[in-house]
Structures are given as structure tokens and as C-alpha cells.
Amino acid sequence: MANELGLERAFVAAGGLLLAGPDPTGGGQVLPGFGDQREIELLVEAGFSPVEGDPHRHVQRRDYLGLADRIGSIAAGKNADLILVEGDPSQHIAISSAW
């Protein structure tokens, strides 16, 4: 797994567009929310900071899909799903042990 994480970091460093997020399998093995959170944790393990890891989930997907005018940021007229977290995710990104 360390090699795979290193490849993702090298890919982005070389200018690659990393589209992070859980891949639905159709069989129910991917849990929305938890899978996304775990993806950020893995990006941090790969050497991204929590602040660097999060845009790979949102901004790059928005840009790749050509939907920057409708999603991917908080602004009037855009669609948004929001979550509130306790604490500062730029300092501690791990899934809460309370889950």
C-alpha cells in the first residue's frame, strides 16, 4: 500500500489530476461519507496535508466534470451539501473514534 500512496503523490507532483473518492461497486461495499473520509486519511498518509487532500475530492471532480458554475464551492445559486465538523480538520483529519 505504501507504494500505491507514493504513486498518487508522484502523479500529482508531475501535474496529474487526481480524482479522489470512493468508487461505487454496485454491490453495496462502499459506504458514502465513511469512504470519502477514509480517502482523505489515505491521501494524508501519502504525504498530502489535510488541506491539500480535501480539494482532490471536490475541486478536481468539479473541474473534471465541467460543473464549476454549479458545484464545488459555497456561493449563491450553487448546489451544496455541507457537513459540520468539531475541531480543525487541517490539524486532525482522522475519523473520530466515536463513530
PDB file of N, CA and C in Angstrom:
ATOM      1  N   MET A   1       0.820  -1.190   0.000  1.00  0.00           N
ATOM      2  CA  MET A   1       0.000   0.000   0.000  1.00  0.00           C
ATOM      3  C   MET A   1       0.867   1.257   0.000  1.00  0.00           C
ATOM      4  N   ALA A   2       2.016   1.230   0.660  1.00  0.00           N
ATOM      5  CA  ALA A   2       2.889   2.405   0.689  1.00  0.00           C
ATOM      6  C   ALA A   2       3.298   2.806  -0.722  1.00  0.00           C
ATOM      7  N   ASN A   3       3.540   1.819  -1.577  1.00  0.00           N
ATOM      8  CA  ASN A   3       3.918   2.120  -2.956  1.00  0.00           C
ATOM      9  C   ASN A   3       2.780   2.805  -3.700  1.00  0.00           C
ATOM     10  N   GLU A   4       1.555   2.335  -3.497  1.00  0.00           N
ATOM     11  CA  GLU A   4       0.394   2.952  -4.149  1.00  0.00           C
ATOM     12  C   GLU A   4       0.215   4.394  -3.696  1.00  0.00           C
ATOM     13  N   LEU A   5       0.388   4.653  -2.407  1.00  0.00           N
ATOM     14  CA  LEU A   5       0.267   6.015  -1.880  1.00  0.00           C
ATOM     15  C   LEU A   5       1.347   6.907  -2.475  1.00  0.00           C
ATOM     16  N   GLY A   6       2.557   6.379  -2.583  1.00  0.00           N
ATOM     17  CA  GLY A   6       3.647   7.147  -3.179  1.00  0.00           C
ATOM     18  C   GLY A   6       3.388   7.465  -4.641  1.00  0.00           C
ATOM     19  N   LEU A   7       2.777   6.539  -5.358  1.00  0.00           N
ATOM     20  CA  LEU A   7       2.458   6.768  -6.767  1.00  0.00           C
ATOM     21  C   LEU A   7       1.430   7.884  -6.916  1.00  0.00           C
ATOM     22  N   GLU A   8       0.448   7.949  -6.025  1.00  0.00           N
ATOM     23  CA  GLU A   8      -0.537   9.030  -6.100  1.00  0.00           C
ATOM     24  C   GLU A   8       0.121  10.384  -5.875  1.00  0.00           C
ATOM     25  N   ARG A   9       1.013  10.452  -4.904  1.00  0.00           N
ATOM     26  CA  ARG A   9       1.704  11.713  -4.615  1.00  0.00           C
ATOM     27  C   ARG A   9       2.578  12.120  -5.802  1.00  0.00           C
ATOM     28  N   ALA A  10       3.308  11.164  -6.378  1.00  0.00           N
ATOM     29  CA  ALA A  10       4.175  11.446  -7.531  1.00  0.00           C
ATOM     30  C   ALA A  10       3.346  11.864  -8.742  1.00  0.00           C
ATOM     31  N   PHE A  11       2.197  11.233  -8.924  1.00  0.00           N
ATOM     32  CA  PHE A  11       1.308  11.564 -10.036  1.00  0.00           C
ATOM     33  C   PHE A  11       0.877  13.025  -9.965  1.00  0.00           C
ATOM     34  N   VAL A  12       0.448  13.468  -8.792  1.00  0.00           N
ATOM     35  CA  VAL A  12       0.019  14.854  -8.617  1.00  0.00           C
ATOM     36  C   VAL A  12       1.207  15.811  -8.763  1.00  0.00           C
ATOM     37  N   ALA A  13       2.361  15.434  -8.210  1.00  0.00           N
ATOM     38  CA  ALA A  13       3.556  16.282  -8.317  1.00  0.00           C
ATOM     39  C   ALA A  13       3.973  16.474  -9.777  1.00  0.00           C
ATOM     40  N   ALA A  14       3.672  15.498 -10.621  1.00  0.00           N
ATOM     41  CA  ALA A  14       4.016  15.582 -12.040  1.00  0.00           C
ATOM     42  C   ALA A  14       2.944  16.311 -12.850  1.00  0.00           C
ATOM     43  N   GLY A  15       1.908  16.815 -12.161  1.00  0.00           N
ATOM     44  CA  GLY A  15       0.863  17.569 -12.843  1.00  0.00           C
ATOM     45  C   GLY A  15      -0.391  16.777 -13.138  1.00  0.00           C
ATOM     46  N   GLY A  16      -0.478  15.548 -12.648  1.00  0.00           N
ATOM     47  CA  GLY A  16      -1.657  14.724 -12.884  1.00  0.00           C
ATOM     48  C   GLY A  16      -2.869  15.221 -12.115  1.00  0.00           C
ATOM     49  N   LEU A  17      -4.038  14.945 -12.629  1.00  0.00           N
ATOM     50  CA  LEU A  17      -5.299  15.325 -11.994  1.00  0.00           C
ATOM     51  C   LEU A  17      -5.825  14.115 -11.241  1.00  0.00           C
ATOM     52  N   LEU A  18      -5.757  14.159  -9.933  1.00  0.00           N
ATOM     53  CA  LEU A  18      -6.196  13.060  -9.083  1.00  0.00           C
ATOM     54  C   LEU A  18      -7.644  13.282  -8.691  1.00  0.00           C
ATOM     55  N   LEU A  19      -8.504  12.368  -9.094  1.00  0.00           N
ATOM     56  CA  LEU A  19      -9.919  12.436  -8.743  1.00  0.00           C
ATOM     57  C   LEU A  19     -10.157  11.448  -7.619  1.00  0.00           C
ATOM     58  N   ALA A  20     -10.176  11.933  -6.414  1.00  0.00           N
ATOM     59  CA  ALA A  20     -10.315  11.065  -5.251  1.00  0.00           C
ATOM     60  C   ALA A  20     -11.776  10.888  -4.886  1.00  0.00           C
ATOM     61  N   GLY A  21     -12.051   9.791  -4.218  1.00  0.00           N
ATOM     62  CA  GLY A  21     -13.384   9.479  -3.743  1.00  0.00           C
ATOM     63  C   GLY A  21     -13.624   7.992  -3.863  1.00  0.00           C
ATOM     64  N   PRO A  22     -14.539   7.468  -3.073  1.00  0.00           N
ATOM     65  CA  PRO A  22     -14.796   6.026  -3.145  1.00  0.00           C
ATOM     66  C   PRO A  22     -15.468   5.670  -4.470  1.00  0.00           C
ATOM     67  N   ASP A  23     -15.108   4.528  -4.989  1.00  0.00           N
ATOM     68  CA  ASP A  23     -15.685   4.057  -6.247  1.00  0.00           C
ATOM     69  C   ASP A  23     -16.827   3.102  -5.955  1.00  0.00           C
ATOM     70  N   PRO A  24     -18.056   3.478  -6.284  1.00  0.00           N
ATOM     71  CA  PRO A  24     -19.184   2.574  -6.041  1.00  0.00           C
ATOM     72  C   PRO A  24     -19.023   1.282  -6.840  1.00  0.00           C
ATOM     73  N   THR A  25     -19.288   0.183  -6.209  1.00  0.00           N
ATOM     74  CA  THR A  25     -19.149  -1.107  -6.878  1.00  0.00           C
ATOM     75  C   THR A  25     -20.488  -1.655  -7.327  1.00  0.00           C
ATOM     76  N   GLY A  26     -21.567  -1.069  -6.877  1.00  0.00           N
ATOM     77  CA  GLY A  26     -22.889  -1.574  -7.215  1.00  0.00           C
ATOM     78  C   GLY A  26     -23.332  -2.695  -6.288  1.00  0.00           C
ATOM     79  N   GLY A  27     -22.402  -3.231  -5.498  1.00  0.00           N
ATOM     80  CA  GLY A  27     -22.736  -4.324  -4.603  1.00  0.00           C
ATOM     81  C   GLY A  27     -22.923  -3.882  -3.169  1.00  0.00           C
ATOM     82  N   GLY A  28     -22.836  -2.577  -2.912  1.00  0.00           N
ATOM     83  CA  GLY A  28     -23.054  -2.068  -1.572  1.00  0.00           C
ATOM     84  C   GLY A  28     -21.840  -2.114  -0.665  1.00  0.00           C
ATOM     85  N   GLN A  29     -20.657  -2.374  -1.219  1.00  0.00           N
ATOM     86  CA  GLN A  29     -19.473  -2.453  -0.364  1.00  0.00           C
ATOM     87  C   GLN A  29     -18.864  -1.086  -0.042  1.00  0.00           C
ATOM     88  N   VAL A  30     -19.308  -0.028  -0.671  1.00  0.00           N
ATOM     89  CA  VAL A  30     -18.759   1.307  -0.441  1.00  0.00           C
ATOM     90  C   VAL A  30     -19.763   2.110   0.378  1.00  0.00           C
ATOM     91  N   LEU A  31     -19.309   2.667   1.473  1.00  0.00           N
ATOM     92  CA  LEU A  31     -20.177   3.471   2.330  1.00  0.00           C
ATOM     93  C   LEU A  31     -19.943   4.955   2.058  1.00  0.00           C
ATOM     94  N   PRO A  32     -20.927   5.665   1.492  1.00  0.00           N
ATOM     95  CA  PRO A  32     -20.760   7.100   1.287  1.00  0.00           C
ATOM     96  C   PRO A  32     -20.461   7.784   2.620  1.00  0.00           C
ATOM     97  N   GLY A  33     -19.669   8.800   2.570  1.00  0.00           N
ATOM     98  CA  GLY A  33     -19.290   9.513   3.794  1.00  0.00           C
ATOM     99  C   GLY A  33     -18.078   8.882   4.431  1.00  0.00           C
ATOM    100  N   PHE A  34     -18.213   7.674   4.940  1.00  0.00           N
ATOM    101  CA  PHE A  34     -17.073   6.985   5.544  1.00  0.00           C
ATOM    102  C   PHE A  34     -15.988   6.753   4.505  1.00  0.00           C
ATOM    103  N   GLY A  35     -16.380   6.315   3.313  1.00  0.00           N
ATOM    104  CA  GLY A  35     -15.402   6.082   2.250  1.00  0.00           C
ATOM    105  C   GLY A  35     -14.679   7.351   1.854  1.00  0.00           C
ATOM    106  N   ASP A  36     -15.403   8.456   1.778  1.00  0.00           N
ATOM    107  CA  ASP A  36     -14.783   9.745   1.468  1.00  0.00           C
ATOM    108  C   ASP A  36     -13.788  10.148   2.548  1.00  0.00           C
ATOM    109  N   GLN A  37     -14.197   9.997   3.795  1.00  0.00           N
ATOM    110  CA  GLN A  37     -13.318  10.357   4.911  1.00  0.00           C
ATOM    111  C   GLN A  37     -12.060   9.501   4.906  1.00  0.00           C
ATOM    112  N   ARG A  38     -12.221   8.212   4.678  1.00  0.00           N
ATOM    113  CA  ARG A  38     -11.063   7.313   4.653  1.00  0.00           C
ATOM    114  C   ARG A  38     -10.120   7.681   3.515  1.00  0.00           C
ATOM    115  N   GLU A  39     -10.675   8.139   2.393  1.00  0.00           N
ATOM    116  CA  GLU A  39      -9.856   8.574   1.257  1.00  0.00           C
ATOM    117  C   GLU A  39      -8.947   9.730   1.658  1.00  0.00           C
ATOM    118  N   ILE A  40      -9.484  10.692   2.404  1.00  0.00           N
ATOM    119  CA  ILE A  40      -8.651  11.816   2.851  1.00  0.00           C
ATOM    120  C   ILE A  40      -7.544  11.312   3.776  1.00  0.00           C
ATOM    121  N   GLU A  41      -7.884  10.401   4.683  1.00  0.00           N
ATOM    122  CA  GLU A  41      -6.861   9.848   5.574  1.00  0.00           C
ATOM    123  C   GLU A  41      -5.738   9.189   4.771  1.00  0.00           C
ATOM    124  N   LEU A  42      -6.095   8.458   3.722  1.00  0.00           N
ATOM    125  CA  LEU A  42      -5.083   7.803   2.890  1.00  0.00           C
ATOM    126  C   LEU A  42      -4.241   8.819   2.126  1.00  0.00           C
ATOM    127  N   LEU A  43      -4.864   9.904   1.663  1.00  0.00           N
ATOM    128  CA  LEU A  43      -4.093  10.946   0.996  1.00  0.00           C
ATOM    129  C   LEU A  43      -3.090  11.584   1.960  1.00  0.00           C
ATOM    130  N   VAL A  44      -3.507  11.768   3.212  1.00  0.00           N
ATOM    131  CA  VAL A  44      -2.588  12.314   4.223  1.00  0.00           C
ATOM    132  C   VAL A  44      -1.445  11.332   4.463  1.00  0.00           C
ATOM    133  N   GLU A  45      -1.756  10.028   4.522  1.00  0.00           N
ATOM    134  CA  GLU A  45      -0.704   9.022   4.665  1.00  0.00           C
ATOM    135  C   GLU A  45       0.251   9.050   3.479  1.00  0.00           C
ATOM    136  N   ALA A  46      -0.246   9.454   2.305  1.00  0.00           N
ATOM    137  CA  ALA A  46       0.583   9.523   1.101  1.00  0.00           C
ATOM    138  C   ALA A  46       1.478  10.753   1.087  1.00  0.00           C
ATOM    139  N   GLY A  47       1.269  11.664   2.034  1.00  0.00           N
ATOM    140  CA  GLY A  47       2.119  12.847   2.100  1.00  0.00           C
ATOM    141  C   GLY A  47       1.420  14.156   1.821  1.00  0.00           C
ATOM    142  N   PHE A  48       0.138  14.118   1.485  1.00  0.00           N
ATOM    143  CA  PHE A  48      -0.623  15.352   1.320  1.00  0.00           C
ATOM    144  C   PHE A  48      -0.989  15.873   2.700  1.00  0.00           C
ATOM    145  N   SER A  49      -1.079  17.183   2.843  1.00  0.00           N
ATOM    146  CA  SER A  49      -1.606  17.727   4.090  1.00  0.00           C
ATOM    147  C   SER A  49      -3.122  17.568   4.051  1.00  0.00           C
ATOM    148  N   PRO A  50      -3.802  17.636   5.202  1.00  0.00           N
ATOM    149  CA  PRO A  50      -5.268  17.566   5.167  1.00  0.00           C
ATOM    150  C   PRO A  50      -5.883  18.621   4.260  1.00  0.00           C
ATOM    151  N   VAL A  51      -5.292  19.798   4.225  1.00  0.00           N
ATOM    152  CA  VAL A  51      -5.806  20.871   3.380  1.00  0.00           C
ATOM    153  C   VAL A  51      -5.565  20.554   1.902  1.00  0.00           C
ATOM    154  N   GLU A  52      -4.446  19.909   1.570  1.00  0.00           N
ATOM    155  CA  GLU A  52      -4.186  19.509   0.184  1.00  0.00           C
ATOM    156  C   GLU A  52      -5.072  18.349  -0.243  1.00  0.00           C
ATOM    157  N   GLY A  53      -5.338  17.427   0.667  1.00  0.00           N
ATOM    158  CA  GLY A  53      -6.105  16.236   0.329  1.00  0.00           C
ATOM    159  C   GLY A  53      -7.547  16.519  -0.006  1.00  0.00           C
ATOM    160  N   ASP A  54      -8.169  17.436   0.700  1.00  0.00           N
ATOM    161  CA  ASP A  54      -9.589  17.688   0.501  1.00  0.00           C
ATOM    162  C   ASP A  54      -9.937  18.190  -0.897  1.00  0.00           C
ATOM    163  N   PRO A  55      -9.168  19.125  -1.491  1.00  0.00           N
ATOM    164  CA  PRO A  55      -9.538  19.570  -2.843  1.00  0.00           C
ATOM    165  C   PRO A  55      -9.542  18.453  -3.886  1.00  0.00           C
ATOM    166  N   HIS A  56      -8.759  17.408  -3.669  1.00  0.00           N
ATOM    167  CA  HIS A  56      -8.770  16.312  -4.631  1.00  0.00           C
ATOM    168  C   HIS A  56     -10.124  15.636  -4.659  1.00  0.00           C
ATOM    169  N   ARG A  57     -10.875  15.769  -3.596  1.00  0.00           N
ATOM    170  CA  ARG A  57     -12.212  15.191  -3.557  1.00  0.00           C
ATOM    171  C   ARG A  57     -13.238  16.100  -4.213  1.00  0.00           C
ATOM    172  N   HIS A  58     -13.057  17.400  -4.128  1.00  0.00           N
ATOM    173  CA  HIS A  58     -14.107  18.314  -4.547  1.00  0.00           C
ATOM    174  C   HIS A  58     -13.746  19.143  -5.773  1.00  0.00           C
ATOM    175  N   VAL A  59     -12.708  19.927  -5.669  1.00  0.00           N
ATOM    176  CA  VAL A  59     -12.380  20.871  -6.738  1.00  0.00           C
ATOM    177  C   VAL A  59     -12.021  20.148  -8.032  1.00  0.00           C
ATOM    178  N   GLN A  60     -11.173  19.126  -7.941  1.00  0.00           N
ATOM    179  CA  GLN A  60     -10.773  18.436  -9.156  1.00  0.00           C
ATOM    180  C   GLN A  60     -11.950  17.731  -9.827  1.00  0.00           C
ATOM    181  N   ARG A  61     -12.833  17.120  -9.042  1.00  0.00           N
ATOM    182  CA  ARG A  61     -14.012  16.477  -9.634  1.00  0.00           C
ATOM    183  C   ARG A  61     -14.912  17.507 -10.310  1.00  0.00           C
ATOM    184  N   ARG A  62     -15.101  18.618  -9.646  1.00  0.00           N
ATOM    185  CA  ARG A  62     -15.928  19.695 -10.203  1.00  0.00           C
ATOM    186  C   ARG A  62     -15.355  20.163 -11.533  1.00  0.00           C
ATOM    187  N   ASP A  63     -14.048  20.403 -11.571  1.00  0.00           N
ATOM    188  CA  ASP A  63     -13.413  20.881 -12.791  1.00  0.00           C
ATOM    189  C   ASP A  63     -13.428  19.816 -13.884  1.00  0.00           C
ATOM    190  N   TYR A  64     -13.150  18.578 -13.516  1.00  0.00           N
ATOM    191  CA  TYR A  64     -13.153  17.481 -14.481  1.00  0.00           C
ATOM    192  C   TYR A  64     -14.517  17.317 -15.142  1.00  0.00           C
ATOM    193  N   LEU A  65     -15.562  17.465 -14.351  1.00  0.00           N
ATOM    194  CA  LEU A  65     -16.921  17.317 -14.866  1.00  0.00           C
ATOM    195  C   LEU A  65     -17.430  18.565 -15.599  1.00  0.00           C
ATOM    196  N   GLY A  66     -16.675  19.671 -15.523  1.00  0.00           N
ATOM    197  CA  GLY A  66     -17.109  20.907 -16.164  1.00  0.00           C
ATOM    198  C   GLY A  66     -18.296  21.548 -15.471  1.00  0.00           C
ATOM    199  N   LEU A  67     -18.384  21.366 -14.145  1.00  0.00           N
ATOM    200  CA  LEU A  67     -19.537  21.868 -13.396  1.00  0.00           C
ATOM    201  C   LEU A  67     -19.171  22.967 -12.397  1.00  0.00           C
ATOM    202  N   ALA A  68     -18.067  23.664 -12.629  1.00  0.00           N
ATOM    203  CA  ALA A  68     -17.606  24.670 -11.676  1.00  0.00           C
ATOM    204  C   ALA A  68     -18.632  25.780 -11.450  1.00  0.00           C
ATOM    205  N   ASP A  69     -19.496  26.006 -12.426  1.00  0.00           N
ATOM    206  CA  ASP A  69     -20.511  27.052 -12.266  1.00  0.00           C
ATOM    207  C   ASP A  69     -21.677  26.604 -11.397  1.00  0.00           C
ATOM    208  N   ARG A  70     -21.760  25.282 -11.082  1.00  0.00           N
ATOM    209  CA  ARG A  70     -22.901  24.772 -10.312  1.00  0.00           C
ATOM    210  C   ARG A  70     -22.535  24.144  -8.979  1.00  0.00           C
ATOM    211  N   ILE A  71     -21.324  23.588  -8.858  1.00  0.00           N
ATOM    212  CA  ILE A  71     -20.945  22.863  -7.639  1.00  0.00           C
ATOM    213  C   ILE A  71     -19.496  23.152  -7.269  1.00  0.00           C
ATOM    214  N   GLY A  72     -19.092  22.690  -6.091  1.00  0.00           N
ATOM    215  CA  GLY A  72     -17.681  22.731  -5.711  1.00  0.00           C
ATOM    216  C   GLY A  72     -17.265  23.887  -4.835  1.00  0.00           C
ATOM    217  N   SER A  73     -18.153  24.806  -4.581  1.00  0.00           N
ATOM    218  CA  SER A  73     -17.853  25.904  -3.661  1.00  0.00           C
ATOM    219  C   SER A  73     -19.177  26.409  -3.105  1.00  0.00           C
ATOM    220  N   ILE A  74     -19.074  27.200  -2.070  1.00  0.00           N
ATOM    221  CA  ILE A  74     -20.269  27.754  -1.438  1.00  0.00           C
ATOM    222  C   ILE A  74     -20.489  29.154  -2.003  1.00  0.00           C
ATOM    223  N   ALA A  75     -21.559  29.311  -2.764  1.00  0.00           N
ATOM    224  CA  ALA A  75     -21.875  30.606  -3.359  1.00  0.00           C
ATOM    225  C   ALA A  75     -23.355  30.623  -3.715  1.00  0.00           C
ATOM    226  N   ALA A  76     -23.918  31.805  -3.783  1.00  0.00           N
ATOM    227  CA  ALA A  76     -25.323  31.948  -4.153  1.00  0.00           C
ATOM    228  C   ALA A  76     -25.570  31.305  -5.510  1.00  0.00           C
ATOM    229  N   GLY A  77     -26.648  30.526  -5.599  1.00  0.00           N
ATOM    230  CA  GLY A  77     -27.024  29.902  -6.851  1.00  0.00           C
ATOM    231  C   GLY A  77     -26.375  28.553  -7.127  1.00  0.00           C
ATOM    232  N   LYS A  78     -25.463  28.104  -6.257  1.00  0.00           N
ATOM    233  CA  LYS A  78     -24.809  26.807  -6.453  1.00  0.00           C
ATOM    234  C   LYS A  78     -25.445  25.752  -5.559  1.00  0.00           C
ATOM    235  N   ASN A  79     -25.376  24.510  -6.004  1.00  0.00           N
ATOM    236  CA  ASN A  79     -25.828  23.387  -5.190  1.00  0.00           C
ATOM    237  C   ASN A  79     -24.745  23.073  -4.171  1.00  0.00           C
ATOM    238  N   ALA A  80     -25.143  22.739  -2.950  1.00  0.00           N
ATOM    239  CA  ALA A  80     -24.134  22.438  -1.936  1.00  0.00           C
ATOM    240  C   ALA A  80     -24.677  21.448  -0.916  1.00  0.00           C
ATOM    241  N   ASP A  81     -23.832  20.519  -0.543  1.00  0.00           N
ATOM    242  CA  ASP A  81     -24.062  19.649   0.601  1.00  0.00           C
ATOM    243  C   ASP A  81     -23.005  20.026   1.619  1.00  0.00           C
ATOM    244  N   LEU A  82     -23.423  20.309   2.823  1.00  0.00           N
ATOM    245  CA  LEU A  82     -22.480  20.754   3.840  1.00  0.00           C
ATOM    246  C   LEU A  82     -22.501  19.815   5.029  1.00  0.00           C
ATOM    247  N   ILE A  83     -21.353  19.678   5.660  1.00  0.00           N
ATOM    248  CA  ILE A  83     -21.273  18.984   6.936  1.00  0.00           C
ATOM    249  C   ILE A  83     -20.566  19.899   7.914  1.00  0.00           C
ATOM    250  N   LEU A  84     -20.863  19.734   9.163  1.00  0.00           N
ATOM    251  CA  LEU A  84     -20.181  20.476  10.210  1.00  0.00           C
ATOM    252  C   LEU A  84     -19.310  19.498  10.977  1.00  0.00           C
ATOM    253  N   VAL A  85     -18.100  19.909  11.246  1.00  0.00           N
ATOM    254  CA  VAL A  85     -17.187  19.058  11.999  1.00  0.00           C
ATOM    255  C   VAL A  85     -16.737  19.791  13.252  1.00  0.00           C
ATOM    256  N   GLU A  86     -16.471  19.033  14.278  1.00  0.00           N
ATOM    257  CA  GLU A  86     -15.953  19.610  15.511  1.00  0.00           C
ATOM    258  C   GLU A  86     -14.440  19.632  15.410  1.00  0.00           C
ATOM    259  N   GLY A  87     -13.854  20.776  15.668  1.00  0.00           N
ATOM    260  CA  GLY A  87     -12.410  20.887  15.612  1.00  0.00           C
ATOM    261  C   GLY A  87     -11.929  21.420  14.280  1.00  0.00           C
ATOM    262  N   ASP A  88     -10.632  21.338  14.075  1.00  0.00           N
ATOM    263  CA  ASP A  88      -9.978  21.873  12.891  1.00  0.00           C
ATOM    264  C   ASP A  88      -9.433  20.724  12.052  1.00  0.00           C
ATOM    265  N   PRO A  89     -10.104  20.365  10.943  1.00  0.00           N
ATOM    266  CA  PRO A  89      -9.652  19.229  10.155  1.00  0.00           C
ATOM    267  C   PRO A  89      -8.283  19.428   9.512  1.00  0.00           C
ATOM    268  N   SER A  90      -7.799  20.658   9.452  1.00  0.00           N
ATOM    269  CA  SER A  90      -6.445  20.862   8.922  1.00  0.00           C
ATOM    270  C   SER A  90      -5.389  20.420   9.929  1.00  0.00           C
ATOM    271  N   GLN A  91      -5.805  20.227  11.179  1.00  0.00           N
ATOM    272  CA  GLN A  91      -4.879  19.788  12.218  1.00  0.00           C
ATOM    273  C   GLN A  91      -5.034  18.309  12.559  1.00  0.00           C
ATOM    274  N   HIS A  92      -6.257  17.791  12.439  1.00  0.00           N
ATOM    275  CA  HIS A  92      -6.524  16.391  12.780  1.00  0.00           C
ATOM    276  C   HIS A  92      -7.612  15.878  11.841  1.00  0.00           C
ATOM    277  N   ILE A  93      -7.246  14.977  10.925  1.00  0.00           N
ATOM    278  CA  ILE A  93      -8.168  14.560   9.884  1.00  0.00           C
ATOM    279  C   ILE A  93      -8.763  13.172  10.133  1.00  0.00           C
ATOM    280  N   ALA A  94      -8.256  12.428  11.095  1.00  0.00           N
ATOM    281  CA  ALA A  94      -8.688  11.036  11.302  1.00  0.00           C
ATOM    282  C   ALA A  94     -10.156  10.948  11.662  1.00  0.00           C
ATOM    283  N   ILE A  95     -10.761   9.834  11.301  1.00  0.00           N
ATOM    284  CA  ILE A  95     -12.151   9.572  11.657  1.00  0.00           C
ATOM    285  C   ILE A  95     -12.257   9.493  13.164  1.00  0.00           C
ATOM    286  N   SER A  96     -13.286  10.106  13.691  1.00  0.00           N
ATOM    287  CA  SER A  96     -13.494  10.095  15.136  1.00  0.00           C
ATOM    288  C   SER A  96     -13.656   8.686  15.651  1.00  0.00           C
ATOM    289  N   SER A  97     -13.070   8.417  16.793  1.00  0.00           N
ATOM    290  CA  SER A  97     -13.231   7.092  17.412  1.00  0.00           C
ATOM    291  C   SER A  97     -14.651   6.894  17.925  1.00  0.00           C
ATOM    292  N   ALA A  98     -15.438   7.968  17.979  1.00  0.00           N
ATOM    293  CA  ALA A  98     -16.821   7.858  18.432  1.00  0.00           C
ATOM    294  C   ALA A  98     -17.726   7.244  17.371  1.00  0.00           C
ATOM    295  N   TRP A  99     -17.256   7.150  16.121  1.00  0.00           N
ATOM    296  CA  TRP A  99     -18.086   6.582  15.060  1.00  0.00           C
ATOM    297  C   TRP A  99     -18.151   5.144  15.244  1.00  0.00           C
TER     298      TRP A  99
END
